[in-house]
C-alpha cells in the first residue's frame, strides 16, 4: 500500500463506484466516517476546501494541520497562506496549529452566526 499523498482520495473511490459527492449531488462524506486531518487524508480535505464543500469545523482542522506542518506557507497564498495568517492573528489557531474553540465560539457569537 502506498503511503502519504499518493493514496486514492475517498471522493475518487466513491466516484469510481458511480457515487457522486459534493454540493450539487447533496451527498457528503460525513465527519464521523473520517479521521482527523493527517498525511493520508489531507488531500480529501483540500479537495473539499477548494471545491467549496467543506464544513467550518473541517476547515479549521485543515488549516490547523496546514499551519502545524508548515504547508500553509508553501501552497497558494490566497487560499492557504493569507487565511492561515488571519486565523492566527484572530487567535483562533495558534502558531503551533492548535485550535482555540472558545475563541472561535466567542467570535462566532459576536458576529451573530
PDB file of N, CA and C in Angstrom:
ATOM      1  N   UNK A   1       0.843  -1.179   0.000  1.00  0.00           N
ATOM      2  CA  UNK A   1       0.000   0.000   0.000  1.00  0.00           C
ATOM      3  C   UNK A   1       0.889   1.243   0.000  1.00  0.00           C
ATOM      4  N   UNK A   2       0.565   2.177  -0.842  1.00  0.00           N
ATOM      5  CA  UNK A   2       1.338   3.408  -0.962  1.00  0.00           C
ATOM      6  C   UNK A   2       0.924   4.353   0.156  1.00  0.00           C
ATOM      7  N   UNK A   3       1.896   5.017   0.778  1.00  0.00           N
ATOM      8  CA  UNK A   3       1.594   5.913   1.893  1.00  0.00           C
ATOM      9  C   UNK A   3       1.605   7.362   1.441  1.00  0.00           C
ATOM     10  N   UNK A   4       0.991   8.205   2.248  1.00  0.00           N
ATOM     11  CA  UNK A   4       1.087   9.648   2.072  1.00  0.00           C
ATOM     12  C   UNK A   4       0.191  10.219   1.000  1.00  0.00           C
ATOM     13  N   UNK A   5       0.764  11.162   0.249  1.00  0.00           N
ATOM     14  CA  UNK A   5      -0.010  11.940  -0.712  1.00  0.00           C
ATOM     15  C   UNK A   5      -0.516  11.112  -1.878  1.00  0.00           C
ATOM     16  N   UNK A   6       0.000   9.907  -2.049  1.00  0.00           N
ATOM     17  CA  UNK A   6      -0.353   9.119  -3.220  1.00  0.00           C
ATOM     18  C   UNK A   6      -1.596   8.257  -3.013  1.00  0.00           C
ATOM     19  N   UNK A   7      -2.144   8.257  -1.818  1.00  0.00           N
ATOM     20  CA  UNK A   7      -3.351   7.470  -1.581  1.00  0.00           C
ATOM     21  C   UNK A   7      -4.509   7.989  -2.411  1.00  0.00           C
ATOM     22  N   UNK A   8      -5.347   7.079  -2.831  1.00  0.00           N
ATOM     23  CA  UNK A   8      -6.537   7.485  -3.561  1.00  0.00           C
ATOM     24  C   UNK A   8      -7.491   8.164  -2.587  1.00  0.00           C
ATOM     25  N   UNK A   9      -8.043   9.289  -2.984  1.00  0.00           N
ATOM     26  CA  UNK A   9      -8.924  10.006  -2.076  1.00  0.00           C
ATOM     27  C   UNK A   9     -10.260   9.291  -1.955  1.00  0.00           C
ATOM     28  N   UNK A  10     -10.937   9.562  -0.877  1.00  0.00           N
ATOM     29  CA  UNK A  10     -12.227   8.938  -0.633  1.00  0.00           C
ATOM     30  C   UNK A  10     -13.243   9.339  -1.699  1.00  0.00           C
ATOM     31  N   UNK A  11     -13.191  10.605  -2.104  1.00  0.00           N
ATOM     32  CA  UNK A  11     -14.119  11.084  -3.123  1.00  0.00           C
ATOM     33  C   UNK A  11     -13.886  10.349  -4.445  1.00  0.00           C
ATOM     34  N   UNK A  12     -12.619  10.139  -4.821  1.00  0.00           N
ATOM     35  CA  UNK A  12     -12.326   9.420  -6.054  1.00  0.00           C
ATOM     36  C   UNK A  12     -12.770   7.965  -5.965  1.00  0.00           C
ATOM     37  N   UNK A  13     -12.586   7.367  -4.806  1.00  0.00           N
ATOM     38  CA  UNK A  13     -13.007   5.984  -4.620  1.00  0.00           C
ATOM     39  C   UNK A  13     -14.514   5.862  -4.778  1.00  0.00           C
ATOM     40  N   UNK A  14     -15.266   6.819  -4.224  1.00  0.00           N
ATOM     41  CA  UNK A  14     -16.721   6.790  -4.373  1.00  0.00           C
ATOM     42  C   UNK A  14     -17.129   7.069  -5.813  1.00  0.00           C
ATOM     43  N   UNK A  15     -16.440   7.989  -6.472  1.00  0.00           N
ATOM     44  CA  UNK A  15     -16.764   8.318  -7.861  1.00  0.00           C
ATOM     45  C   UNK A  15     -16.535   7.120  -8.764  1.00  0.00           C
ATOM     46  N   UNK A  16     -15.503   6.357  -8.469  1.00  0.00           N
ATOM     47  CA  UNK A  16     -15.233   5.164  -9.272  1.00  0.00           C
ATOM     48  C   UNK A  16     -16.374   4.163  -9.179  1.00  0.00           C
ATOM     49  N   UNK A  17     -17.086   4.170  -8.048  1.00  0.00           N
ATOM     50  CA  UNK A  17     -18.243   3.285  -7.868  1.00  0.00           C
ATOM     51  C   UNK A  17     -19.533   3.910  -8.400  1.00  0.00           C
ATOM     52  N   UNK A  18     -19.426   5.113  -8.954  1.00  0.00           N
ATOM     53  CA  UNK A  18     -20.611   5.774  -9.508  1.00  0.00           C
ATOM     54  C   UNK A  18     -21.362   6.619  -8.505  1.00  0.00           C
ATOM     55  N   UNK A  19     -20.781   6.868  -7.333  1.00  0.00           N
ATOM     56  CA  UNK A  19     -21.428   7.674  -6.299  1.00  0.00           C
ATOM     57  C   UNK A  19     -20.836   9.068  -6.362  1.00  0.00           C
ATOM     58  N   UNK A  20     -21.664  10.054  -6.654  1.00  0.00           N
ATOM     59  CA  UNK A  20     -21.191  11.443  -6.717  1.00  0.00           C
ATOM     60  C   UNK A  20     -21.302  12.066  -5.338  1.00  0.00           C
ATOM     61  N   UNK A  21     -20.340  12.911  -5.003  1.00  0.00           N
ATOM     62  CA  UNK A  21     -20.366  13.604  -3.719  1.00  0.00           C
ATOM     63  C   UNK A  21     -20.243  15.092  -3.953  1.00  0.00           C
ATOM     64  N   UNK A  22     -20.620  15.866  -2.961  1.00  0.00           N
ATOM     65  CA  UNK A  22     -20.447  17.305  -3.050  1.00  0.00           C
ATOM     66  C   UNK A  22     -21.748  18.063  -2.993  1.00  0.00           C
ATOM     67  N   UNK A  23     -21.637  19.370  -3.205  1.00  0.00           N
ATOM     68  CA  UNK A  23     -22.759  20.281  -3.042  1.00  0.00           C
ATOM     69  C   UNK A  23     -23.882  20.000  -4.047  1.00  0.00           C
ATOM     70  N   UNK A  24     -23.544  19.766  -5.303  1.00  0.00           N
ATOM     71  CA  UNK A  24     -24.574  19.575  -6.325  1.00  0.00           C
ATOM     72  C   UNK A  24     -25.324  18.263  -6.152  1.00  0.00           C
ATOM     73  N   UNK A  25     -24.634  17.227  -5.705  1.00  0.00           N
ATOM     74  CA  UNK A  25     -25.268  15.922  -5.581  1.00  0.00           C
ATOM     75  C   UNK A  25     -25.982  15.739  -4.249  1.00  0.00           C
ATOM     76  N   UNK A  26     -25.777  16.675  -3.308  1.00  0.00           N
ATOM     77  CA  UNK A  26     -26.365  16.610  -1.958  1.00  0.00           C
ATOM     78  C   UNK A  26     -25.907  15.372  -1.186  1.00  0.00           C
ATOM     79  N   UNK A  27     -24.779  14.793  -1.565  1.00  0.00           N
ATOM     80  CA  UNK A  27     -24.205  13.664  -0.856  1.00  0.00           C
ATOM     81  C   UNK A  27     -22.873  14.103  -0.283  1.00  0.00           C
ATOM     82  N   UNK A  28     -22.696  13.961   1.000  1.00  0.00           N
ATOM     83  CA  UNK A  28     -21.473  14.393   1.654  1.00  0.00           C
ATOM     84  C   UNK A  28     -20.827  13.227   2.382  1.00  0.00           C
ATOM     85  N   UNK A  29     -19.523  13.304   2.523  1.00  0.00           N
ATOM     86  CA  UNK A  29     -18.811  12.337   3.337  1.00  0.00           C
ATOM     87  C   UNK A  29     -18.936  12.835   4.766  1.00  0.00           C
ATOM     88  N   UNK A  30     -19.604  12.066   5.609  1.00  0.00           N
ATOM     89  CA  UNK A  30     -19.867  12.521   6.968  1.00  0.00           C
ATOM     90  C   UNK A  30     -18.598  12.551   7.807  1.00  0.00           C
ATOM     91  N   UNK A  31     -18.538  13.484   8.756  1.00  0.00           N
ATOM     92  CA  UNK A  31     -17.370  13.665   9.612  1.00  0.00           C
ATOM     93  C   UNK A  31     -17.043  12.405  10.403  1.00  0.00           C
ATOM     94  N   UNK A  32     -18.063  11.704  10.905  1.00  0.00           N
ATOM     95  CA  UNK A  32     -17.784  10.542  11.743  1.00  0.00           C
ATOM     96  C   UNK A  32     -17.158   9.401  10.942  1.00  0.00           C
ATOM     97  N   UNK A  33     -17.294   9.445   9.612  1.00  0.00           N
ATOM     98  CA  UNK A  33     -16.680   8.421   8.768  1.00  0.00           C
ATOM     99  C   UNK A  33     -15.227   8.733   8.460  1.00  0.00           C
ATOM    100  N   UNK A  34     -14.768   9.897   8.868  1.00  0.00           N
ATOM    101  CA  UNK A  34     -13.425  10.331   8.505  1.00  0.00           C
ATOM    102  C   UNK A  34     -12.534  10.447   9.726  1.00  0.00           C
ATOM    103  N   UNK A  35     -11.257  10.353   9.467  1.00  0.00           N
ATOM    104  CA  UNK A  35     -10.257  10.552  10.517  1.00  0.00           C
ATOM    105  C   UNK A  35      -9.901  12.026  10.578  1.00  0.00           C
ATOM    106  N   UNK A  36      -9.302  12.483  11.681  1.00  0.00           N
ATOM    107  CA  UNK A  36      -8.793  13.859  11.704  1.00  0.00           C
ATOM    108  C   UNK A  36      -7.777  14.049  10.580  1.00  0.00           C
ATOM    109  N   UNK A  37      -7.509  15.284  10.239  1.00  0.00           N
ATOM    110  CA  UNK A  37      -6.582  15.558   9.135  1.00  0.00           C
ATOM    111  C   UNK A  37      -5.219  14.964   9.469  1.00  0.00           C
ATOM    112  N   UNK A  38      -4.698  14.194   8.554  1.00  0.00           N
ATOM    113  CA  UNK A  38      -3.358  13.638   8.679  1.00  0.00           C
ATOM    114  C   UNK A  38      -2.766  13.505   7.282  1.00  0.00           C
ATOM    115  N   UNK A  39      -1.569  12.998   7.201  1.00  0.00           N
ATOM    116  CA  UNK A  39      -0.889  12.944   5.909  1.00  0.00           C
ATOM    117  C   UNK A  39      -1.608  12.042   4.908  1.00  0.00           C
ATOM    118  N   UNK A  40      -2.356  11.083   5.385  1.00  0.00           N
ATOM    119  CA  UNK A  40      -3.040  10.166   4.487  1.00  0.00           C
ATOM    120  C   UNK A  40      -4.326  10.737   3.891  1.00  0.00           C
ATOM    121  N   UNK A  41      -5.014  11.618   4.607  1.00  0.00           N
ATOM    122  CA  UNK A  41      -6.309  12.097   4.105  1.00  0.00           C
ATOM    123  C   UNK A  41      -6.349  13.602   3.861  1.00  0.00           C
ATOM    124  N   UNK A  42      -5.222  14.274   3.943  1.00  0.00           N
ATOM    125  CA  UNK A  42      -5.215  15.723   3.766  1.00  0.00           C
ATOM    126  C   UNK A  42      -5.705  16.109   2.366  1.00  0.00           C
ATOM    127  N   UNK A  43      -5.469  15.257   1.379  1.00  0.00           N
ATOM    128  CA  UNK A  43      -5.915  15.560   0.017  1.00  0.00           C
ATOM    129  C   UNK A  43      -7.436  15.628  -0.051  1.00  0.00           C
ATOM    130  N   UNK A  44      -8.123  14.761   0.694  1.00  0.00           N
ATOM    131  CA  UNK A  44      -9.596  14.808   0.736  1.00  0.00           C
ATOM    132  C   UNK A  44     -10.082  16.153   1.255  1.00  0.00           C
ATOM    133  N   UNK A  45      -9.452  16.613   2.342  1.00  0.00           N
ATOM    134  CA  UNK A  45      -9.836  17.899   2.921  1.00  0.00           C
ATOM    135  C   UNK A  45      -9.533  19.051   1.957  1.00  0.00           C
ATOM    136  N   UNK A  46      -8.384  18.990   1.298  1.00  0.00           N
ATOM    137  CA  UNK A  46      -8.015  20.044   0.349  1.00  0.00           C
ATOM    138  C   UNK A  46      -8.998  20.086  -0.812  1.00  0.00           C
ATOM    139  N   UNK A  47      -9.389  18.926  -1.320  1.00  0.00           N
ATOM    140  CA  UNK A  47     -10.349  18.877  -2.431  1.00  0.00           C
ATOM    141  C   UNK A  47     -11.693  19.484  -2.017  1.00  0.00           C
ATOM    142  N   UNK A  48     -12.140  19.171  -0.811  1.00  0.00           N
ATOM    143  CA  UNK A  48     -13.394  19.742  -0.331  1.00  0.00           C
ATOM    144  C   UNK A  48     -13.276  21.252  -0.161  1.00  0.00           C
ATOM    145  N   UNK A  49     -12.165  21.701   0.389  1.00  0.00           N
ATOM    146  CA  UNK A  49     -11.953  23.136   0.600  1.00  0.00           C
ATOM    147  C   UNK A  49     -11.933  23.879  -0.720  1.00  0.00           C
ATOM    148  N   UNK A  50     -11.155  23.399  -1.663  1.00  0.00           N
ATOM    149  CA  UNK A  50     -11.055  24.086  -2.944  1.00  0.00           C
ATOM    150  C   UNK A  50     -12.334  23.958  -3.764  1.00  0.00           C
ATOM    151  N   UNK A  51     -13.133  22.917  -3.500  1.00  0.00           N
ATOM    152  CA  UNK A  51     -14.413  22.748  -4.178  1.00  0.00           C
ATOM    153  C   UNK A  51     -15.559  23.482  -3.499  1.00  0.00           C
ATOM    154  N   UNK A  52     -15.316  24.040  -2.320  1.00  0.00           N
ATOM    155  CA  UNK A  52     -16.347  24.774  -1.591  1.00  0.00           C
ATOM    156  C   UNK A  52     -17.306  23.895  -0.827  1.00  0.00           C
ATOM    157  N   UNK A  53     -16.946  22.623  -0.607  1.00  0.00           N
ATOM    158  CA  UNK A  53     -17.838  21.671   0.056  1.00  0.00           C
ATOM    159  C   UNK A  53     -17.451  21.377   1.503  1.00  0.00           C
ATOM    160  N   UNK A  54     -16.594  22.180   2.100  1.00  0.00           N
ATOM    161  CA  UNK A  54     -16.065  21.863   3.422  1.00  0.00           C
ATOM    162  C   UNK A  54     -16.877  22.568   4.512  1.00  0.00           C
ATOM    163  N   UNK A  55     -17.052  21.889   5.639  1.00  0.00           N
ATOM    164  CA  UNK A  55     -17.757  22.497   6.767  1.00  0.00           C
ATOM    165  C   UNK A  55     -16.796  23.420   7.516  1.00  0.00           C
ATOM    166  N   UNK A  56     -17.335  24.254   8.395  1.00  0.00           N
ATOM    167  CA  UNK A  56     -16.494  25.184   9.160  1.00  0.00           C
ATOM    168  C   UNK A  56     -15.483  24.448  10.035  1.00  0.00           C
ATOM    169  N   UNK A  57     -15.942  23.397  10.719  1.00  0.00           N
ATOM    170  CA  UNK A  57     -15.048  22.659  11.607  1.00  0.00           C
ATOM    171  C   UNK A  57     -13.949  21.958  10.815  1.00  0.00           C
ATOM    172  N   UNK A  58     -14.325  21.335   9.695  1.00  0.00           N
ATOM    173  CA  UNK A  58     -13.319  20.673   8.873  1.00  0.00           C
ATOM    174  C   UNK A  58     -12.324  21.687   8.311  1.00  0.00           C
ATOM    175  N   UNK A  59     -12.803  22.900   7.987  1.00  0.00           N
ATOM    176  CA  UNK A  59     -11.922  23.961   7.504  1.00  0.00           C
ATOM    177  C   UNK A  59     -10.894  24.317   8.569  1.00  0.00           C
ATOM    178  N   UNK A  60     -11.347  24.446   9.817  1.00  0.00           N
ATOM    179  CA  UNK A  60     -10.418  24.765  10.904  1.00  0.00           C
ATOM    180  C   UNK A  60      -9.426  23.637  11.146  1.00  0.00           C
ATOM    181  N   UNK A  61      -9.900  22.377  11.065  1.00  0.00           N
ATOM    182  CA  UNK A  61      -8.998  21.248  11.217  1.00  0.00           C
ATOM    183  C   UNK A  61      -7.945  21.245  10.104  1.00  0.00           C
ATOM    184  N   UNK A  62      -8.373  21.531   8.876  1.00  0.00           N
ATOM    185  CA  UNK A  62      -7.444  21.576   7.751  1.00  0.00           C
ATOM    186  C   UNK A  62      -6.415  22.679   7.925  1.00  0.00           C
ATOM    187  N   UNK A  63      -6.885  23.878   8.261  1.00  0.00           N
ATOM    188  CA  UNK A  63      -5.952  24.998   8.404  1.00  0.00           C
ATOM    189  C   UNK A  63      -4.992  24.772   9.573  1.00  0.00           C
ATOM    190  N   UNK A  64      -5.483  24.196  10.661  1.00  0.00           N
ATOM    191  CA  UNK A  64      -4.602  23.903  11.798  1.00  0.00           C
ATOM    192  C   UNK A  64      -3.520  22.913  11.379  1.00  0.00           C
ATOM    193  N   UNK A  65      -3.892  21.898  10.613  1.00  0.00           N
ATOM    194  CA  UNK A  65      -2.912  20.920  10.138  1.00  0.00           C
ATOM    195  C   UNK A  65      -1.901  21.575   9.201  1.00  0.00           C
ATOM    196  N   UNK A  66      -2.404  22.432   8.297  1.00  0.00           N
ATOM    197  CA  UNK A  66      -1.526  23.090   7.332  1.00  0.00           C
ATOM    198  C   UNK A  66      -0.545  24.027   8.052  1.00  0.00           C
ATOM    199  N   UNK A  67      -1.004  24.711   9.101  1.00  0.00           N
ATOM    200  CA  UNK A  67      -0.127  25.594   9.874  1.00  0.00           C
ATOM    201  C   UNK A  67       0.904  24.763  10.640  1.00  0.00           C
ATOM    202  N   UNK A  68       0.432  23.690  11.288  1.00  0.00           N
ATOM    203  CA  UNK A  68       1.317  22.849  12.094  1.00  0.00           C
ATOM    204  C   UNK A  68       2.440  22.235  11.252  1.00  0.00           C
ATOM    205  N   UNK A  69       2.119  21.805  10.036  1.00  0.00           N
ATOM    206  CA  UNK A  69       3.120  21.159   9.184  1.00  0.00           C
ATOM    207  C   UNK A  69       3.909  22.155   8.343  1.00  0.00           C
ATOM    208  N   UNK A  70       3.456  23.424   8.305  1.00  0.00           N
ATOM    209  CA  UNK A  70       4.133  24.435   7.502  1.00  0.00           C
ATOM    210  C   UNK A  70       3.687  24.476   6.053  1.00  0.00           C
ATOM    211  N   UNK A  71       2.752  23.642   5.679  1.00  0.00           N
ATOM    212  CA  UNK A  71       2.283  23.599   4.292  1.00  0.00           C
ATOM    213  C   UNK A  71       1.443  24.810   3.919  1.00  0.00           C
ATOM    214  N   UNK A  72       0.876  25.484   4.902  1.00  0.00           N
ATOM    215  CA  UNK A  72       0.067  26.675   4.609  1.00  0.00           C
ATOM    216  C   UNK A  72       0.908  27.741   3.944  1.00  0.00           C
ATOM    217  N   UNK A  73       2.193  27.747   4.218  1.00  0.00           N
ATOM    218  CA  UNK A  73       3.074  28.789   3.687  1.00  0.00           C
ATOM    219  C   UNK A  73       3.682  28.392   2.343  1.00  0.00           C
ATOM    220  N   UNK A  74       3.488  27.142   1.912  1.00  0.00           N
ATOM    221  CA  UNK A  74       4.046  26.706   0.633  1.00  0.00           C
ATOM    222  C   UNK A  74       2.993  26.559  -0.454  1.00  0.00           C
ATOM    223  N   UNK A  75       1.714  26.509  -0.072  1.00  0.00           N
ATOM    224  CA  UNK A  75       0.641  26.403  -1.056  1.00  0.00           C
ATOM    225  C   UNK A  75       0.247  27.803  -1.519  1.00  0.00           C
ATOM    226  N   UNK A  76      -0.734  27.875  -2.411  1.00  0.00           N
ATOM    227  CA  UNK A  76      -1.187  29.155  -2.963  1.00  0.00           C
ATOM    228  C   UNK A  76      -1.598  30.106  -1.840  1.00  0.00           C
ATOM    229  N   UNK A  77      -1.054  31.313  -1.864  1.00  0.00           N
ATOM    230  CA  UNK A  77      -1.235  32.272  -0.771  1.00  0.00           C
ATOM    231  C   UNK A  77      -2.657  32.705  -0.538  1.00  0.00           C
ATOM    232  N   UNK A  78      -3.417  32.936  -1.610  1.00  0.00           N
ATOM    233  CA  UNK A  78      -4.777  33.443  -1.431  1.00  0.00           C
ATOM    234  C   UNK A  78      -5.713  32.391  -0.844  1.00  0.00           C
ATOM    235  N   UNK A  79      -5.381  31.112  -0.983  1.00  0.00           N
ATOM    236  CA  UNK A  79      -6.238  30.053  -0.450  1.00  0.00           C
ATOM    237  C   UNK A  79      -5.755  29.515   0.894  1.00  0.00           C
ATOM    238  N   UNK A  80      -4.471  29.608   1.155  1.00  0.00           N
ATOM    239  CA  UNK A  80      -3.927  28.986   2.359  1.00  0.00           C
ATOM    240  C   UNK A  80      -3.140  29.951   3.244  1.00  0.00           C
ATOM    241  N   UNK A  81      -2.151  30.623   2.694  1.00  0.00           N
ATOM    242  CA  UNK A  81      -1.267  31.466   3.499  1.00  0.00           C
ATOM    243  C   UNK A  81      -1.964  32.627   4.165  1.00  0.00           C
ATOM    244  N   UNK A  82      -2.693  33.413   3.390  1.00  0.00           N
ATOM    245  CA  UNK A  82      -3.369  34.585   3.974  1.00  0.00           C
ATOM    246  C   UNK A  82      -4.483  34.206   4.945  1.00  0.00           C
ATOM    247  N   UNK A  83      -5.357  33.244   4.586  1.00  0.00           N
ATOM    248  CA  UNK A  83      -6.364  32.840   5.580  1.00  0.00           C
ATOM    249  C   UNK A  83      -5.735  32.255   6.853  1.00  0.00           C
ATOM    250  N   UNK A  84      -4.630  31.520   6.703  1.00  0.00           N
ATOM    251  CA  UNK A  84      -3.951  30.968   7.880  1.00  0.00           C
ATOM    252  C   UNK A  84      -3.435  32.090   8.769  1.00  0.00           C
ATOM    253  N   UNK A  85      -2.851  33.113   8.168  1.00  0.00           N
ATOM    254  CA  UNK A  85      -2.357  34.255   8.940  1.00  0.00           C
ATOM    255  C   UNK A  85      -3.504  34.980   9.637  1.00  0.00           C
ATOM    256  N   UNK A  86      -4.637  35.127   8.947  1.00  0.00           N
ATOM    257  CA  UNK A  86      -5.800  35.778   9.559  1.00  0.00           C
ATOM    258  C   UNK A  86      -6.312  34.980  10.755  1.00  0.00           C
ATOM    259  N   UNK A  87      -6.334  33.643  10.640  1.00  0.00           N
ATOM    260  CA  UNK A  87      -6.783  32.807  11.754  1.00  0.00           C
ATOM    261  C   UNK A  87      -5.818  32.906  12.934  1.00  0.00           C
ATOM    262  N   UNK A  88      -4.528  32.998  12.657  1.00  0.00           N
ATOM    263  CA  UNK A  88      -3.536  33.159  13.727  1.00  0.00           C
ATOM    264  C   UNK A  88      -3.695  34.524  14.377  1.00  0.00           C
ATOM    265  N   UNK A  89      -3.837  35.570  13.552  1.00  0.00           N
ATOM    266  CA  UNK A  89      -3.992  36.929  14.093  1.00  0.00           C
ATOM    267  C   UNK A  89      -5.259  37.073  14.924  1.00  0.00           C
ATOM    268  N   UNK A  90      -6.326  36.357  14.545  1.00  0.00           N
ATOM    269  CA  UNK A  90      -7.581  36.413  15.295  1.00  0.00           C
ATOM    270  C   UNK A  90      -7.505  35.588  16.580  1.00  0.00           C
ATOM    271  N   UNK A  91      -6.496  34.749  16.696  1.00  0.00           N
ATOM    272  CA  UNK A  91      -6.343  33.929  17.892  1.00  0.00           C
ATOM    273  C   UNK A  91      -7.118  32.635  17.854  1.00  0.00           C
ATOM    274  N   UNK A  92      -7.670  32.289  16.707  1.00  0.00           N
ATOM    275  CA  UNK A  92      -8.452  31.050  16.594  1.00  0.00           C
ATOM    276  C   UNK A  92      -7.530  29.835  16.523  1.00  0.00           C
ATOM    277  N   UNK A  93      -6.412  29.975  15.795  1.00  0.00           N
ATOM    278  CA  UNK A  93      -5.430  28.897  15.689  1.00  0.00           C
ATOM    279  C   UNK A  93      -4.080  29.460  16.126  1.00  0.00           C
ATOM    280  N   UNK A  94      -3.375  28.680  16.943  1.00  0.00           N
ATOM    281  CA  UNK A  94      -2.048  29.126  17.392  1.00  0.00           C
ATOM    282  C   UNK A  94      -1.010  28.865  16.302  1.00  0.00           C
ATOM    283  N   UNK A  95       0.158  29.436  16.471  1.00  0.00           N
ATOM    284  CA  UNK A  95       1.249  29.209  15.512  1.00  0.00           C
ATOM    285  C   UNK A  95       1.704  27.755  15.502  1.00  0.00           C
ATOM    286  N   UNK A  96       1.385  27.023  16.551  1.00  0.00           N
ATOM    287  CA  UNK A  96       1.722  25.595  16.631  1.00  0.00           C
ATOM    288  C   UNK A  96       0.635  24.720  16.017  1.00  0.00           C
ATOM    289  N   UNK A  97      -0.485  25.329  15.589  1.00  0.00           N
ATOM    290  CA  UNK A  97      -1.551  24.569  14.937  1.00  0.00           C
ATOM    291  C   UNK A  97      -2.628  24.062  15.879  1.00  0.00           C
ATOM    292  N   UNK A  98      -2.772  24.664  17.053  1.00  0.00           N
ATOM    293  CA  UNK A  98      -3.829  24.265  17.989  1.00  0.00           C
ATOM    294  C   UNK A  98      -5.030  25.205  17.839  1.00  0.00           C
ATOM    295  N   UNK A  99      -6.216  24.621  17.783  1.00  0.00           N
ATOM    296  CA  UNK A  99      -7.446  25.403  17.622  1.00  0.00           C
ATOM    297  C   UNK A  99      -7.955  25.811  18.996  1.00  0.00           C
ATOM    298  N   UNK A 100      -8.274  27.091  19.167  1.00  0.00           N
ATOM    299  CA  UNK A 100      -8.872  27.609  20.394  1.00  0.00           C
ATOM    300  C   UNK A 100     -10.380  27.694  20.154  1.00  0.00           C
ATOM    301  N   UNK A 101     -11.095  26.629  20.534  1.00  0.00           N
ATOM    302  CA  UNK A 101     -12.535  26.560  20.254  1.00  0.00           C
ATOM    303  C   UNK A 101     -13.307  27.623  21.031  1.00  0.00           C
ATOM    304  N   UNK A 102     -12.828  28.006  22.215  1.00  0.00           N
ATOM    305  CA  UNK A 102     -13.500  29.058  22.982  1.00  0.00           C
ATOM    306  C   UNK A 102     -13.447  30.385  22.226  1.00  0.00           C
ATOM    307  N   UNK A 103     -12.288  30.717  21.701  1.00  0.00           N
ATOM    308  CA  UNK A 103     -12.126  31.951  20.928  1.00  0.00           C
ATOM    309  C   UNK A 103     -12.978  31.906  19.668  1.00  0.00           C
ATOM    310  N   UNK A 104     -13.005  30.752  19.007  1.00  0.00           N
ATOM    311  CA  UNK A 104     -13.819  30.576  17.797  1.00  0.00           C
ATOM    312  C   UNK A 104     -15.296  30.817  18.103  1.00  0.00           C
ATOM    313  N   UNK A 105     -15.798  30.196  19.169  1.00  0.00           N
ATOM    314  CA  UNK A 105     -17.214  30.359  19.539  1.00  0.00           C
ATOM    315  C   UNK A 105     -17.520  31.797  19.955  1.00  0.00           C
ATOM    316  N   UNK A 106     -16.575  32.419  20.659  1.00  0.00           N
ATOM    317  CA  UNK A 106     -16.746  33.806  21.081  1.00  0.00           C
ATOM    318  C   UNK A 106     -16.868  34.741  19.860  1.00  0.00           C
ATOM    319  N   UNK A 107     -15.976  34.577  18.895  1.00  0.00           N
ATOM    320  CA  UNK A 107     -16.036  35.406  17.681  1.00  0.00           C
ATOM    321  C   UNK A 107     -17.280  35.121  16.863  1.00  0.00           C
ATOM    322  N   UNK A 108     -17.689  33.881  16.851  1.00  0.00           N
ATOM    323  CA  UNK A 108     -18.888  33.495  16.109  1.00  0.00           C
ATOM    324  C   UNK A 108     -20.130  34.159  16.714  1.00  0.00           C
ATOM    325  N   UNK A 109     -20.207  34.202  18.048  1.00  0.00           N
ATOM    326  CA  UNK A 109     -21.336  34.851  18.727  1.00  0.00           C
ATOM    327  C   UNK A 109     -21.319  36.355  18.504  1.00  0.00           C
ATOM    328  N   UNK A 110     -20.132  36.970  18.516  1.00  0.00           N
ATOM    329  CA  UNK A 110     -20.012  38.406  18.292  1.00  0.00           C
ATOM    330  C   UNK A 110     -20.521  38.804  16.908  1.00  0.00           C
ATOM    331  N   UNK A 111     -20.271  37.936  15.944  1.00  0.00           N
ATOM    332  CA  UNK A 111     -20.673  38.235  14.561  1.00  0.00           C
ATOM    333  C   UNK A 111     -22.116  37.825  14.277  1.00  0.00           C
ATOM    334  N   UNK A 112     -22.754  37.202  15.246  1.00  0.00           N
ATOM    335  CA  UNK A 112     -24.168  36.845  15.116  1.00  0.00           C
ATOM    336  C   UNK A 112     -24.462  35.633  14.280  1.00  0.00           C
ATOM    337  N   UNK A 113     -23.529  34.678  14.251  1.00  0.00           N
ATOM    338  CA  UNK A 113     -23.772  33.445  13.481  1.00  0.00           C
ATOM    339  C   UNK A 113     -24.346  32.371  14.347  1.00  0.00           C
TER     340      UNK A 113
END
